[in-house]
Amino acid sequence: MITFDPSAYEGFIFDCDGTLADSMPLHYKAWSETLALKLGRPSDFSESMFYHFGGMPARQIVERLNKDFGYGLPAEQTAHDKEARFMELLPGIGPVVEVVEALDRLPANAKAAVASGGLTSIVSDTLKHLGIKSGPNEKIKFIVGSDQVSHGKPNPELFLRAAQLLGVDPKKCLVFEDAEPGFLAARAAGMDYIDVRPFRVEGLHAAARY
């Protein structure tokens, strides 16, 4: 069980992939298949590298791969194709039970948001697949995706945008995250955070434990 004191905070911000949703393995599968198709061979994008980039927008990842490996792939189209492949794989994901349980323990009037490096529409579909509702009358009041900000994690803009929408001082927000870019973003935003990885009982790939 993830232990925290809900009364110590006024806002709660959850990452999606790898935090609420056990979707990281399928995101990596989508990356591997998409890159191999475009390159005509397996890519150099290892699973450990993928987890190291956790929380970065897809376009930013393509740009990084182009720089590191000289791929020359069109960033927008490659990111779009990867996300399209992930949507085909979406029925295979499940929840991160320990984090969803923490969300369920928040009081009914809690101010919570999801802030993710994914596109808002894909994050919304992921949450719907898990049965997690969002909207003005739900615990998850807002979904903030990478398409709503200029800079993704580790920049704090996603989290600051979520706090702004919730109407909560960033210093009074608690972030639930699973990757280093998210931890850096939370620190930069002046927010406390919980690394959810140690609380996961099963299903966490070794590469995610870096």
Protein backbone atom coordinates (compact mmCIF):
# COMPACT_ATOMS: atom_id res chain seq x y z
CA MET A 1 0.00 0.00 0.00
CA ILE A 2 1.21 3.50 -0.84
CA THR A 3 1.22 5.45 2.40
CA PHE A 4 0.61 9.20 2.44
CA ASP A 5 -1.48 11.72 4.34
CA PRO A 6 -4.19 13.18 2.05
CA SER A 7 -4.91 15.92 4.58
CA ALA A 8 -1.37 17.30 4.12
CA TYR A 9 -2.06 18.36 0.52
CA GLU A 10 -4.68 20.29 -1.40
CA GLY A 11 -3.98 18.88 -4.87
CA PHE A 12 -2.97 15.48 -6.24
CA ILE A 13 -1.37 14.93 -9.63
CA PHE A 14 -0.98 11.50 -11.19
CA ASP A 15 1.16 10.47 -14.13
CA CYS A 16 -0.62 7.98 -16.39
CA ASP A 17 1.69 5.47 -18.12
CA GLY A 18 3.53 3.35 -15.60
CA THR A 19 1.74 5.07 -12.72
CA LEU A 20 -2.03 4.60 -13.07
CA ALA A 21 -1.78 2.38 -16.16
CA ASP A 22 0.49 -0.65 -16.54
CA SER A 23 1.05 0.43 -20.13
CA MET A 24 4.80 0.89 -20.44
CA PRO A 25 5.52 -2.58 -21.92
CA LEU A 26 2.96 -1.96 -24.65
CA HIS A 27 4.34 1.51 -25.34
CA TYR A 28 7.77 -0.06 -25.84
CA LYS A 29 6.28 -2.72 -28.11
CA ALA A 30 4.66 0.05 -30.18
CA TRP A 31 7.99 1.89 -30.38
CA SER A 32 9.92 -1.23 -31.40
CA GLU A 33 7.48 -2.21 -34.13
CA THR A 34 7.11 1.32 -35.51
CA LEU A 35 10.84 2.04 -35.60
CA ALA A 36 11.68 -1.34 -37.15
CA LEU A 37 9.09 -0.76 -39.87
CA LYS A 38 10.48 2.67 -40.72
CA LEU A 39 14.16 1.70 -40.50
CA GLY A 40 13.81 -1.66 -42.20
CA ARG A 41 15.66 -3.27 -39.28
CA PRO A 42 15.48 -3.45 -35.48
CA SER A 43 16.20 -0.08 -33.90
CA ASP A 44 18.86 0.80 -31.34
CA PHE A 45 16.15 1.97 -28.93
CA SER A 46 16.68 -0.44 -26.03
CA GLU A 47 14.11 -1.11 -23.36
CA SER A 48 16.35 0.37 -20.66
CA MET A 49 16.68 3.55 -22.76
CA PHE A 50 12.92 3.66 -23.21
CA TYR A 51 12.34 3.60 -19.45
CA HIS A 52 15.01 6.25 -18.96
CA PHE A 53 12.98 8.51 -21.28
CA GLY A 54 9.75 7.80 -19.36
CA GLY A 55 7.37 10.75 -19.46
CA MET A 56 8.90 12.44 -22.49
CA PRO A 57 6.53 13.28 -25.37
CA ALA A 58 6.82 10.92 -28.33
CA ARG A 59 7.98 13.64 -30.70
CA GLN A 60 10.77 14.57 -28.32
CA ILE A 61 11.86 10.92 -28.14
CA VAL A 62 12.09 10.69 -31.93
CA GLU A 63 14.18 13.85 -32.01
CA ARG A 64 16.49 12.37 -29.40
CA LEU A 65 16.84 9.11 -31.36
CA ASN A 66 17.58 11.05 -34.53
CA LYS A 67 20.32 12.93 -32.70
CA ASP A 68 21.81 9.91 -30.95
CA PHE A 69 21.64 7.41 -33.83
CA GLY A 70 21.42 9.57 -36.95
CA TYR A 71 18.06 8.14 -38.02
CA GLY A 72 16.66 11.19 -39.80
CA LEU A 73 13.07 10.09 -39.10
CA PRO A 74 10.26 12.65 -39.47
CA ALA A 75 9.46 13.37 -35.84
CA GLU A 76 5.78 14.22 -36.09
CA GLN A 77 4.84 11.34 -38.42
CA THR A 78 6.90 8.78 -36.53
CA ALA A 79 5.37 9.86 -33.23
CA HIS A 80 1.89 9.72 -34.78
CA ASP A 81 2.47 6.21 -36.17
CA LYS A 82 3.82 5.00 -32.85
CA GLU A 83 0.78 6.34 -30.98
CA ALA A 84 -1.55 4.79 -33.56
CA ARG A 85 0.10 1.40 -32.99
CA PHE A 86 -0.23 1.85 -29.22
CA MET A 87 -3.96 2.48 -29.60
CA GLU A 88 -4.23 -0.86 -31.39
CA LEU A 89 -2.52 -2.49 -28.40
CA LEU A 90 -4.57 -0.59 -25.77
CA PRO A 91 -6.96 -3.48 -24.96
CA GLY A 92 -3.95 -5.33 -23.51
CA ILE A 93 -3.25 -2.94 -20.63
CA GLY A 94 -4.37 -3.11 -17.03
CA PRO A 95 -4.16 -0.83 -14.00
CA VAL A 96 -1.30 -0.35 -11.58
CA VAL A 97 -3.45 -1.59 -8.71
CA GLU A 98 -1.47 0.06 -5.92
CA VAL A 99 -1.75 3.53 -7.47
CA VAL A 100 -5.42 3.20 -8.41
CA GLU A 101 -6.05 2.16 -4.81
CA ALA A 102 -4.29 5.34 -3.64
CA LEU A 103 -6.55 7.37 -5.96
CA ASP A 104 -9.60 5.59 -4.58
CA ARG A 105 -8.55 6.50 -1.02
CA LEU A 106 -8.68 10.23 -1.74
CA PRO A 107 -11.73 11.97 -0.28
CA ALA A 108 -14.71 12.41 -2.57
CA ASN A 109 -14.11 16.16 -2.84
CA ALA A 110 -10.39 15.81 -3.62
CA LYS A 111 -8.79 17.96 -6.30
CA ALA A 112 -6.86 15.60 -8.58
CA ALA A 113 -5.51 15.72 -12.12
CA VAL A 114 -3.58 13.51 -14.50
CA ALA A 115 -0.50 15.08 -16.10
CA SER A 116 1.15 12.91 -18.74
CA GLY A 117 3.73 13.08 -21.48
CA GLY A 118 1.18 11.42 -23.76
CA LEU A 119 -1.34 13.16 -25.97
CA THR A 120 -4.49 14.20 -24.10
CA SER A 121 -6.78 12.08 -26.27
CA ILE A 122 -4.68 8.94 -25.77
CA VAL A 123 -4.40 9.51 -22.02
CA SER A 124 -8.16 9.98 -21.86
CA ASP A 125 -8.76 6.74 -23.78
CA THR A 126 -6.30 4.91 -21.52
CA LEU A 127 -8.10 6.06 -18.39
CA LYS A 128 -11.49 5.15 -19.86
CA HIS A 129 -10.17 1.69 -20.67
CA LEU A 130 -9.20 1.31 -17.01
CA GLY A 131 -12.59 2.55 -15.84
CA ILE A 132 -11.13 5.73 -14.33
CA LYS A 133 -13.53 8.60 -14.82
CA SER A 134 -12.55 12.23 -15.29
CA GLY A 135 -14.52 15.44 -15.29
CA PRO A 136 -15.83 18.21 -13.01
CA ASN A 137 -17.78 15.79 -10.80
CA GLU A 138 -15.05 13.14 -10.56
CA LYS A 139 -11.88 12.96 -8.46
CA ILE A 140 -9.81 13.38 -11.62
CA LYS A 141 -10.94 16.88 -12.56
CA PHE A 142 -8.52 17.50 -15.44
CA ILE A 143 -6.27 15.66 -17.87
CA VAL A 144 -3.18 17.56 -19.01
CA GLY A 145 -1.35 16.02 -21.96
CA SER A 146 1.83 17.03 -23.77
CA ASP A 147 -0.22 18.74 -26.49
CA GLN A 148 -1.41 21.32 -23.94
CA VAL A 149 2.06 22.63 -23.06
CA SER A 150 5.18 23.82 -24.85
CA HIS A 151 7.62 21.63 -22.93
CA GLY A 152 7.24 18.09 -21.63
CA LYS A 153 8.87 16.46 -18.62
CA PRO A 154 11.45 17.02 -17.12
CA ASN A 155 10.24 20.61 -17.58
CA PRO A 156 7.69 21.39 -14.82
CA GLU A 157 5.14 22.95 -17.18
CA LEU A 158 2.79 19.92 -17.20
CA PHE A 159 2.56 19.84 -13.43
CA LEU A 160 2.27 23.60 -13.08
CA ARG A 161 -0.53 23.60 -15.64
CA ALA A 162 -2.35 20.90 -13.68
CA ALA A 163 -2.00 22.86 -10.42
CA GLN A 164 -3.28 25.98 -12.17
CA LEU A 165 -6.36 24.18 -13.47
CA LEU A 166 -7.01 22.73 -10.01
CA GLY A 167 -6.62 26.17 -8.45
CA VAL A 168 -4.01 24.87 -6.00
CA ASP A 169 -0.63 26.27 -4.98
CA PRO A 170 2.02 23.98 -6.56
CA LYS A 171 3.75 23.66 -3.18
CA LYS A 172 0.56 22.10 -1.81
CA CYS A 173 0.41 19.39 -4.51
CA LEU A 174 1.53 15.77 -4.27
CA VAL A 175 2.69 14.01 -7.44
CA PHE A 176 2.54 10.27 -8.12
CA GLU A 177 5.23 9.29 -10.65
CA ASP A 178 7.29 6.35 -11.93
CA ALA A 179 10.18 7.85 -13.94
CA GLU A 180 13.10 10.19 -13.46
CA PRO A 181 11.89 12.91 -15.88
CA GLY A 182 8.71 13.11 -13.81
CA PHE A 183 10.63 13.33 -10.54
CA LEU A 184 12.73 16.16 -11.95
CA ALA A 185 9.60 17.95 -13.15
CA ALA A 186 7.97 17.64 -9.73
CA ARG A 187 11.05 19.02 -7.99
CA ALA A 188 11.25 21.91 -10.44
CA ALA A 189 7.58 22.68 -9.79
CA GLY A 190 8.19 22.76 -6.04
CA MET A 191 5.96 19.72 -5.47
CA ASP A 192 6.38 16.69 -3.23
CA TYR A 193 6.27 13.40 -5.09
CA ILE A 194 5.99 9.67 -4.51
CA ASP A 195 8.00 7.20 -6.60
CA VAL A 196 5.38 4.49 -7.07
CA ARG A 197 7.77 1.81 -8.33
CA PRO A 198 8.80 0.39 -4.93
CA PHE A 199 5.14 -0.16 -4.04
CA ARG A 200 4.37 -2.30 -7.07
CA VAL A 201 3.96 -5.94 -6.09
CA GLU A 202 4.42 -7.38 -9.56
CA GLY A 203 4.58 -6.60 -13.25
CA LEU A 204 7.43 -4.08 -13.15
CA HIS A 205 10.03 -4.77 -15.83
CA ALA A 206 13.64 -4.87 -14.65
CA ALA A 207 14.48 -1.99 -16.98
CA ALA A 208 12.05 0.23 -15.08
CA ARG A 209 14.04 -0.16 -11.86
CA TYR A 210 17.07 1.87 -13.01
